Amino acid sequence: MSSRQKKRLRAVRMLLSYQQAGDFEFRTPRVERTYDGETGQLILQFFQHERMIGRSEKTIECRQIALYHFNQYLTGHSLGFPDLDIDAIEGFFKAMDYSLSARHTCANHLRQLFHYLYDYGYTPTDYALFI
């Protein structure tokens, strides 16, 4: 998106907030992510676990972004955690078309999720071996 388009979008957002609330909203709107299905519920449990063990909110926020896309991929392809294999994970990375560094970061988030799922008995195999 060009700089000019960003400015126009911001102006439209400000106008809409003024029309709705009678006041200008100068902040960026909050993004609401929903995690659908059984995989989404397990991912949400993983985030709760991360908070309980003291992970920073910034780390959890980064994981939320990466795992949201992973959950979307799984639900879009009618896959659950028991259906995962190396081909499904590689398919996710190809679909996202990540750069090498982004792929590495996302793989780290997935690895932590897979360790959690295996350690707490949600999956029979530690899928982190596939990454």
C-alpha atoms as a PDB file:
ATOM      1  CA  MET A   1       0.000   0.000   0.000  1.00  0.00           C
ATOM      2  CA  SER A   2       1.423   3.356  -0.955  1.00  0.00           C
ATOM      3  CA  SER A   3       1.899   6.206   1.503  1.00  0.00           C
ATOM      4  CA  ARG A   4      -0.915   8.153  -0.127  1.00  0.00           C
ATOM      5  CA  GLN A   5      -3.314   5.204   0.160  1.00  0.00           C
ATOM      6  CA  LYS A   6      -2.417   4.781   3.837  1.00  0.00           C
ATOM      7  CA  LYS A   7      -3.180   8.452   4.504  1.00  0.00           C
ATOM      8  CA  ARG A   8      -6.532   8.163   2.751  1.00  0.00           C
ATOM      9  CA  LEU A   9      -7.426   5.034   4.668  1.00  0.00           C
ATOM     10  CA  ARG A  10      -6.559   6.760   7.941  1.00  0.00           C
ATOM     11  CA  ALA A  11      -8.680   9.765   6.953  1.00  0.00           C
ATOM     12  CA  VAL A  12     -11.642   7.501   6.190  1.00  0.00           C
ATOM     13  CA  ARG A  13     -11.231   5.727   9.525  1.00  0.00           C
ATOM     14  CA  MET A  14     -11.139   9.052  11.349  1.00  0.00           C
ATOM     15  CA  LEU A  15     -14.251  10.249   9.538  1.00  0.00           C
ATOM     16  CA  LEU A  16     -16.133   7.045  10.334  1.00  0.00           C
ATOM     17  CA  SER A  17     -15.160   7.217  14.005  1.00  0.00           C
ATOM     18  CA  TYR A  18     -16.323  10.845  14.116  1.00  0.00           C
ATOM     19  CA  GLN A  19     -19.650   9.950  12.521  1.00  0.00           C
ATOM     20  CA  GLN A  20     -20.200   7.020  14.891  1.00  0.00           C
ATOM     21  CA  ALA A  21     -18.963   8.431  18.184  1.00  0.00           C
ATOM     22  CA  GLY A  22     -18.776  12.174  17.653  1.00  0.00           C
ATOM     23  CA  ASP A  23     -15.050  12.076  18.363  1.00  0.00           C
ATOM     24  CA  PHE A  24     -11.956  11.344  16.316  1.00  0.00           C
ATOM     25  CA  GLU A  25     -10.156   8.066  16.827  1.00  0.00           C
ATOM     26  CA  PHE A  26      -6.441   8.574  16.314  1.00  0.00           C
ATOM     27  CA  ARG A  27      -5.254   5.072  17.027  1.00  0.00           C
ATOM     28  CA  THR A  28      -5.057   2.048  14.781  1.00  0.00           C
ATOM     29  CA  PRO A  29      -8.074  -0.236  15.146  1.00  0.00           C
ATOM     30  CA  ARG A  30      -7.491  -3.408  17.146  1.00  0.00           C
ATOM     31  CA  VAL A  31      -7.308  -6.644  15.196  1.00  0.00           C
ATOM     32  CA  GLU A  32      -9.515  -9.380  16.579  1.00  0.00           C
ATOM     33  CA  ARG A  33      -8.293 -12.895  15.811  1.00  0.00           C
ATOM     34  CA  THR A  34     -10.613 -15.846  16.236  1.00  0.00           C
ATOM     35  CA  TYR A  35      -9.253 -19.359  16.447  1.00  0.00           C
ATOM     36  CA  ASP A  36     -11.825 -21.743  15.021  1.00  0.00           C
ATOM     37  CA  GLY A  37     -12.349 -25.420  15.635  1.00  0.00           C
ATOM     38  CA  GLU A  38     -10.688 -27.867  17.975  1.00  0.00           C
ATOM     39  CA  THR A  39      -7.254 -26.767  16.800  1.00  0.00           C
ATOM     40  CA  GLY A  40      -8.117 -23.193  17.670  1.00  0.00           C
ATOM     41  CA  GLN A  41      -9.195 -24.168  21.176  1.00  0.00           C
ATOM     42  CA  LEU A  42      -5.915 -26.013  21.754  1.00  0.00           C
ATOM     43  CA  ILE A  43      -3.963 -23.019  20.491  1.00  0.00           C
ATOM     44  CA  LEU A  44      -5.848 -20.758  22.913  1.00  0.00           C
ATOM     45  CA  GLN A  45      -4.986 -23.162  25.742  1.00  0.00           C
ATOM     46  CA  PHE A  46      -1.355 -22.945  24.635  1.00  0.00           C
ATOM     47  CA  PHE A  47      -1.469 -19.148  24.979  1.00  0.00           C
ATOM     48  CA  GLN A  48      -2.861 -19.493  28.503  1.00  0.00           C
ATOM     49  CA  HIS A  49      -0.038 -21.898  29.332  1.00  0.00           C
ATOM     50  CA  GLU A  50       2.506 -19.433  27.949  1.00  0.00           C
ATOM     51  CA  ARG A  51       1.134 -16.707  30.213  1.00  0.00           C
ATOM     52  CA  MET A  52       1.224 -19.014  33.225  1.00  0.00           C
ATOM     53  CA  ILE A  53       4.903 -19.839  32.719  1.00  0.00           C
ATOM     54  CA  GLY A  54       5.767 -16.148  32.407  1.00  0.00           C
ATOM     55  CA  ARG A  55       6.266 -15.520  28.704  1.00  0.00           C
ATOM     56  CA  SER A  56       6.235 -11.847  27.779  1.00  0.00           C
ATOM     57  CA  GLU A  57       3.142 -10.404  26.137  1.00  0.00           C
ATOM     58  CA  LYS A  58       5.250  -9.408  23.125  1.00  0.00           C
ATOM     59  CA  THR A  59       6.297 -13.041  22.605  1.00  0.00           C
ATOM     60  CA  ILE A  60       2.715 -14.215  22.982  1.00  0.00           C
ATOM     61  CA  GLU A  61       1.534 -11.549  20.536  1.00  0.00           C
ATOM     62  CA  CYS A  62       4.045 -12.749  17.933  1.00  0.00           C
ATOM     63  CA  ARG A  63       2.915 -16.329  18.507  1.00  0.00           C
ATOM     64  CA  GLN A  64      -0.709 -15.300  18.144  1.00  0.00           C
ATOM     65  CA  ILE A  65      -0.021 -13.901  14.680  1.00  0.00           C
ATOM     66  CA  ALA A  66       1.923 -16.942  13.472  1.00  0.00           C
ATOM     67  CA  LEU A  67      -0.422 -19.501  14.971  1.00  0.00           C
ATOM     68  CA  TYR A  68      -3.509 -17.666  13.736  1.00  0.00           C
ATOM     69  CA  HIS A  69      -2.310 -18.194  10.170  1.00  0.00           C
ATOM     70  CA  PHE A  70      -1.480 -21.823  10.939  1.00  0.00           C
ATOM     71  CA  ASN A  71      -4.955 -22.403  12.383  1.00  0.00           C
ATOM     72  CA  GLN A  72      -6.531 -20.760   9.343  1.00  0.00           C
ATOM     73  CA  TYR A  73      -4.526 -23.098   7.111  1.00  0.00           C
ATOM     74  CA  LEU A  74      -5.583 -26.163   9.104  1.00  0.00           C
ATOM     75  CA  THR A  75      -9.283 -25.269   9.147  1.00  0.00           C
ATOM     76  CA  GLY A  76      -9.189 -24.299   5.469  1.00  0.00           C
ATOM     77  CA  HIS A  77      -7.779 -27.711   4.570  1.00  0.00           C
ATOM     78  CA  SER A  78      -9.979 -29.631   7.068  1.00  0.00           C
ATOM     79  CA  LEU A  79      -6.954 -30.794   9.050  1.00  0.00           C
ATOM     80  CA  GLY A  80      -6.562 -31.363  12.755  1.00  0.00           C
ATOM     81  CA  PHE A  81      -3.469 -31.963  14.826  1.00  0.00           C
ATOM     82  CA  PRO A  82      -3.756 -35.783  14.489  1.00  0.00           C
ATOM     83  CA  ASP A  83      -3.717 -35.365  10.677  1.00  0.00           C
ATOM     84  CA  LEU A  84      -0.417 -33.486  10.589  1.00  0.00           C
ATOM     85  CA  ASP A  85       2.605 -34.777   8.785  1.00  0.00           C
ATOM     86  CA  ILE A  86       5.655 -33.211   7.203  1.00  0.00           C
ATOM     87  CA  ASP A  87       3.794 -32.608   3.923  1.00  0.00           C
ATOM     88  CA  ALA A  88       1.025 -30.647   5.664  1.00  0.00           C
ATOM     89  CA  ILE A  89       3.533 -28.446   7.469  1.00  0.00           C
ATOM     90  CA  GLU A  90       5.529 -27.850   4.298  1.00  0.00           C
ATOM     91  CA  GLY A  91       2.256 -27.045   2.530  1.00  0.00           C
ATOM     92  CA  PHE A  92       1.574 -24.391   5.138  1.00  0.00           C
ATOM     93  CA  PHE A  93       4.984 -22.798   4.633  1.00  0.00           C
ATOM     94  CA  LYS A  94       4.547 -22.834   0.854  1.00  0.00           C
ATOM     95  CA  ALA A  95       1.066 -21.320   1.121  1.00  0.00           C
ATOM     96  CA  MET A  96       2.382 -18.501   3.310  1.00  0.00           C
ATOM     97  CA  ASP A  97       5.369 -17.854   1.011  1.00  0.00           C
ATOM     98  CA  TYR A  98       7.537 -16.762   3.926  1.00  0.00           C
ATOM     99  CA  SER A  99      11.037 -15.388   3.536  1.00  0.00           C
ATOM    100  CA  LEU A 100      13.757 -17.515   5.129  1.00  0.00           C
ATOM    101  CA  SER A 101      13.859 -15.467   8.335  1.00  0.00           C
ATOM    102  CA  ALA A 102      10.049 -15.349   8.650  1.00  0.00           C
ATOM    103  CA  ARG A 103       9.885 -19.102   8.090  1.00  0.00           C
ATOM    104  CA  HIS A 104      12.484 -19.640  10.811  1.00  0.00           C
ATOM    105  CA  THR A 105      10.518 -17.481  13.262  1.00  0.00           C
ATOM    106  CA  CYS A 106       7.215 -19.192  12.457  1.00  0.00           C
ATOM    107  CA  ALA A 107       8.866 -22.619  12.741  1.00  0.00           C
ATOM    108  CA  ASN A 108      10.036 -21.710  16.229  1.00  0.00           C
ATOM    109  CA  HIS A 109       6.484 -20.778  17.274  1.00  0.00           C
ATOM    110  CA  LEU A 110       5.126 -24.005  15.782  1.00  0.00           C
ATOM    111  CA  ARG A 111       7.829 -26.029  17.539  1.00  0.00           C
ATOM    112  CA  GLN A 112       6.816 -24.589  20.908  1.00  0.00           C
ATOM    113  CA  LEU A 113       3.147 -25.357  20.201  1.00  0.00           C
ATOM    114  CA  PHE A 114       3.952 -28.932  19.163  1.00  0.00           C
ATOM    115  CA  HIS A 115       6.067 -29.498  22.281  1.00  0.00           C
ATOM    116  CA  TYR A 116       3.173 -28.261  24.417  1.00  0.00           C
ATOM    117  CA  LEU A 117       0.639 -30.496  22.634  1.00  0.00           C
ATOM    118  CA  TYR A 118       2.855 -33.544  23.040  1.00  0.00           C
ATOM    119  CA  ASP A 119       3.858 -32.847  26.649  1.00  0.00           C
ATOM    120  CA  TYR A 120       0.241 -32.474  27.755  1.00  0.00           C
ATOM    121  CA  GLY A 121      -1.006 -35.529  25.855  1.00  0.00           C
ATOM    122  CA  TYR A 122      -2.995 -33.834  23.100  1.00  0.00           C
ATOM    123  CA  THR A 123      -0.977 -35.536  20.360  1.00  0.00           C
ATOM    124  CA  PRO A 124       0.664 -38.984  20.304  1.00  0.00           C
ATOM    125  CA  THR A 125       3.739 -37.670  18.450  1.00  0.00           C
ATOM    126  CA  ASP A 126       5.917 -34.617  18.932  1.00  0.00           C
ATOM    127  CA  TYR A 127       5.324 -32.944  15.566  1.00  0.00           C
ATOM    128  CA  ALA A 128       8.217 -30.594  16.252  1.00  0.00           C
ATOM    129  CA  LEU A 129      10.353 -33.310  14.667  1.00  0.00           C
ATOM    130  CA  PHE A 130       8.781 -32.437  11.311  1.00  0.00           C
ATOM    131  CA  ILE A 131      10.124 -28.894  11.338  1.00  0.00           C
END
